[in-house]
Amino acid sequence: MIVKEKILDDVARVAGGTVSVLSGFSHQAKEDIRTRIEEIADRLDLVPREDFERLEAMLGKAREEQQDLTKRIEALEEQIKTKKRK
């Protein structure tokens, strides 16, 4: 009985150690993958998402302003044409 309990304790200890080692490997693998992806992104000169979204918002605003200015120019041109006709 004592021998069986000792064997079970040893098996439990080995299993716990195995889980700990596998967990460490998993964490290390994730870190290695993350590092390699960041290196690739740096080499490809990719833009961070926050910068892209900020630029996208700026472009949207500039586009709206350009459309408003185009409408104003068209209205002014129409006024000029109307005054020339009179």
C-alpha atoms as a PDB file:
ATOM      1  CA  MET A   1       0.000   0.000   0.000  1.00  0.00           C
ATOM      2  CA  ILE A   2       2.766   2.421   0.929  1.00  0.00           C
ATOM      3  CA  VAL A   3       4.663   1.506  -2.234  1.00  0.00           C
ATOM      4  CA  LYS A   4       1.567   2.235  -4.376  1.00  0.00           C
ATOM      5  CA  GLU A   5       1.083   5.590  -2.653  1.00  0.00           C
ATOM      6  CA  LYS A   6       4.747   6.448  -3.178  1.00  0.00           C
ATOM      7  CA  ILE A   7       4.501   5.498  -6.854  1.00  0.00           C
ATOM      8  CA  LEU A   8       1.345   7.601  -7.250  1.00  0.00           C
ATOM      9  CA  ASP A   9       3.068  10.541  -5.523  1.00  0.00           C
ATOM     10  CA  ASP A  10       6.047  10.166  -7.852  1.00  0.00           C
ATOM     11  CA  VAL A  11       3.771   9.978 -10.912  1.00  0.00           C
ATOM     12  CA  ALA A  12       1.876  13.073  -9.724  1.00  0.00           C
ATOM     13  CA  ARG A  13       5.139  14.945  -9.176  1.00  0.00           C
ATOM     14  CA  VAL A  14       6.419  13.982 -12.648  1.00  0.00           C
ATOM     15  CA  ALA A  15       3.102  14.967 -14.215  1.00  0.00           C
ATOM     16  CA  GLY A  16       3.167  18.319 -12.414  1.00  0.00           C
ATOM     17  CA  GLY A  17       6.714  18.929 -13.583  1.00  0.00           C
ATOM     18  CA  THR A  18       5.744  18.010 -17.123  1.00  0.00           C
ATOM     19  CA  VAL A  19       2.846  20.460 -17.082  1.00  0.00           C
ATOM     20  CA  SER A  20       5.172  23.153 -15.759  1.00  0.00           C
ATOM     21  CA  VAL A  21       7.753  22.479 -18.484  1.00  0.00           C
ATOM     22  CA  LEU A  22       5.104  22.401 -21.223  1.00  0.00           C
ATOM     23  CA  SER A  23       3.639  25.648 -19.934  1.00  0.00           C
ATOM     24  CA  GLY A  24       7.083  27.223 -20.074  1.00  0.00           C
ATOM     25  CA  PHE A  25       7.588  25.967 -23.638  1.00  0.00           C
ATOM     26  CA  SER A  26       4.200  27.351 -24.628  1.00  0.00           C
ATOM     27  CA  HIS A  27       4.999  30.760 -23.154  1.00  0.00           C
ATOM     28  CA  GLN A  28       8.434  30.792 -24.800  1.00  0.00           C
ATOM     29  CA  ALA A  29       6.962  29.756 -28.170  1.00  0.00           C
ATOM     30  CA  LYS A  30       4.402  32.581 -28.002  1.00  0.00           C
ATOM     31  CA  GLU A  31       7.120  35.101 -27.181  1.00  0.00           C
ATOM     32  CA  ASP A  32       9.310  33.829 -30.034  1.00  0.00           C
ATOM     33  CA  ILE A  33       6.431  34.062 -32.505  1.00  0.00           C
ATOM     34  CA  ARG A  34       5.538  37.563 -31.315  1.00  0.00           C
ATOM     35  CA  THR A  35       9.163  38.670 -31.643  1.00  0.00           C
ATOM     36  CA  ARG A  36       9.485  37.250 -35.143  1.00  0.00           C
ATOM     37  CA  ILE A  37       6.234  38.879 -36.286  1.00  0.00           C
ATOM     38  CA  GLU A  38       7.406  42.233 -34.923  1.00  0.00           C
ATOM     39  CA  GLU A  39      10.731  41.820 -36.762  1.00  0.00           C
ATOM     40  CA  ILE A  40       8.909  41.049 -40.009  1.00  0.00           C
ATOM     41  CA  ALA A  41       6.586  44.013 -39.509  1.00  0.00           C
ATOM     42  CA  ASP A  42       9.595  46.282 -38.954  1.00  0.00           C
ATOM     43  CA  ARG A  43      11.278  45.015 -42.114  1.00  0.00           C
ATOM     44  CA  LEU A  44       8.086  45.539 -44.109  1.00  0.00           C
ATOM     45  CA  ASP A  45       7.840  49.086 -42.695  1.00  0.00           C
ATOM     46  CA  LEU A  46       4.229  48.543 -41.627  1.00  0.00           C
ATOM     47  CA  VAL A  47       2.277  51.337 -39.964  1.00  0.00           C
ATOM     48  CA  PRO A  48       0.788  50.809 -36.498  1.00  0.00           C
ATOM     49  CA  ARG A  49      -3.003  50.531 -36.484  1.00  0.00           C
ATOM     50  CA  GLU A  50      -3.443  53.669 -34.357  1.00  0.00           C
ATOM     51  CA  ASP A  51      -1.438  55.757 -36.842  1.00  0.00           C
ATOM     52  CA  PHE A  52      -3.389  54.339 -39.761  1.00  0.00           C
ATOM     53  CA  GLU A  53      -6.735  55.114 -38.139  1.00  0.00           C
ATOM     54  CA  ARG A  54      -5.591  58.637 -37.246  1.00  0.00           C
ATOM     55  CA  LEU A  55      -4.514  59.272 -40.856  1.00  0.00           C
ATOM     56  CA  GLU A  56      -7.732  57.781 -42.155  1.00  0.00           C
ATOM     57  CA  ALA A  57      -9.742  60.217 -40.001  1.00  0.00           C
ATOM     58  CA  MET A  58      -7.609  63.130 -41.205  1.00  0.00           C
ATOM     59  CA  LEU A  59      -8.153  62.119 -44.826  1.00  0.00           C
ATOM     60  CA  GLY A  60     -11.896  61.867 -44.281  1.00  0.00           C
ATOM     61  CA  LYS A  61     -11.984  65.361 -42.812  1.00  0.00           C
ATOM     62  CA  ALA A  62      -9.821  66.737 -45.640  1.00  0.00           C
ATOM     63  CA  ARG A  63     -12.107  65.089 -48.198  1.00  0.00           C
ATOM     64  CA  GLU A  64     -15.187  66.695 -46.614  1.00  0.00           C
ATOM     65  CA  GLU A  65     -13.500  70.101 -46.539  1.00  0.00           C
ATOM     66  CA  GLN A  66     -12.474  69.720 -50.185  1.00  0.00           C
ATOM     67  CA  GLN A  67     -16.047  68.834 -51.178  1.00  0.00           C
ATOM     68  CA  ASP A  68     -17.390  71.853 -49.260  1.00  0.00           C
ATOM     69  CA  LEU A  69     -14.855  74.134 -50.935  1.00  0.00           C
ATOM     70  CA  THR A  70     -15.760  72.711 -54.349  1.00  0.00           C
ATOM     71  CA  LYS A  71     -19.430  73.477 -53.704  1.00  0.00           C
ATOM     72  CA  ARG A  72     -18.573  77.008 -52.583  1.00  0.00           C
ATOM     73  CA  ILE A  73     -16.452  77.595 -55.691  1.00  0.00           C
ATOM     74  CA  GLU A  74     -19.245  76.319 -57.911  1.00  0.00           C
ATOM     75  CA  ALA A  75     -21.725  78.623 -56.159  1.00  0.00           C
ATOM     76  CA  LEU A  76     -19.381  81.610 -56.580  1.00  0.00           C
ATOM     77  CA  GLU A  77     -18.819  80.781 -60.239  1.00  0.00           C
ATOM     78  CA  GLU A  78     -22.577  80.631 -60.740  1.00  0.00           C
ATOM     79  CA  GLN A  79     -22.951  84.039 -59.072  1.00  0.00           C
ATOM     80  CA  ILE A  80     -20.281  85.473 -61.385  1.00  0.00           C
ATOM     81  CA  LYS A  81     -22.034  84.036 -64.453  1.00  0.00           C
ATOM     82  CA  THR A  82     -25.348  85.460 -63.277  1.00  0.00           C
ATOM     83  CA  LYS A  83     -23.841  88.939 -62.737  1.00  0.00           C
ATOM     84  CA  LYS A  84     -22.168  88.875 -66.183  1.00  0.00           C
ATOM     85  CA  ARG A  85     -25.513  88.073 -67.823  1.00  0.00           C
ATOM     86  CA  LYS A  86     -27.154  91.116 -66.229  1.00  0.00           C
END
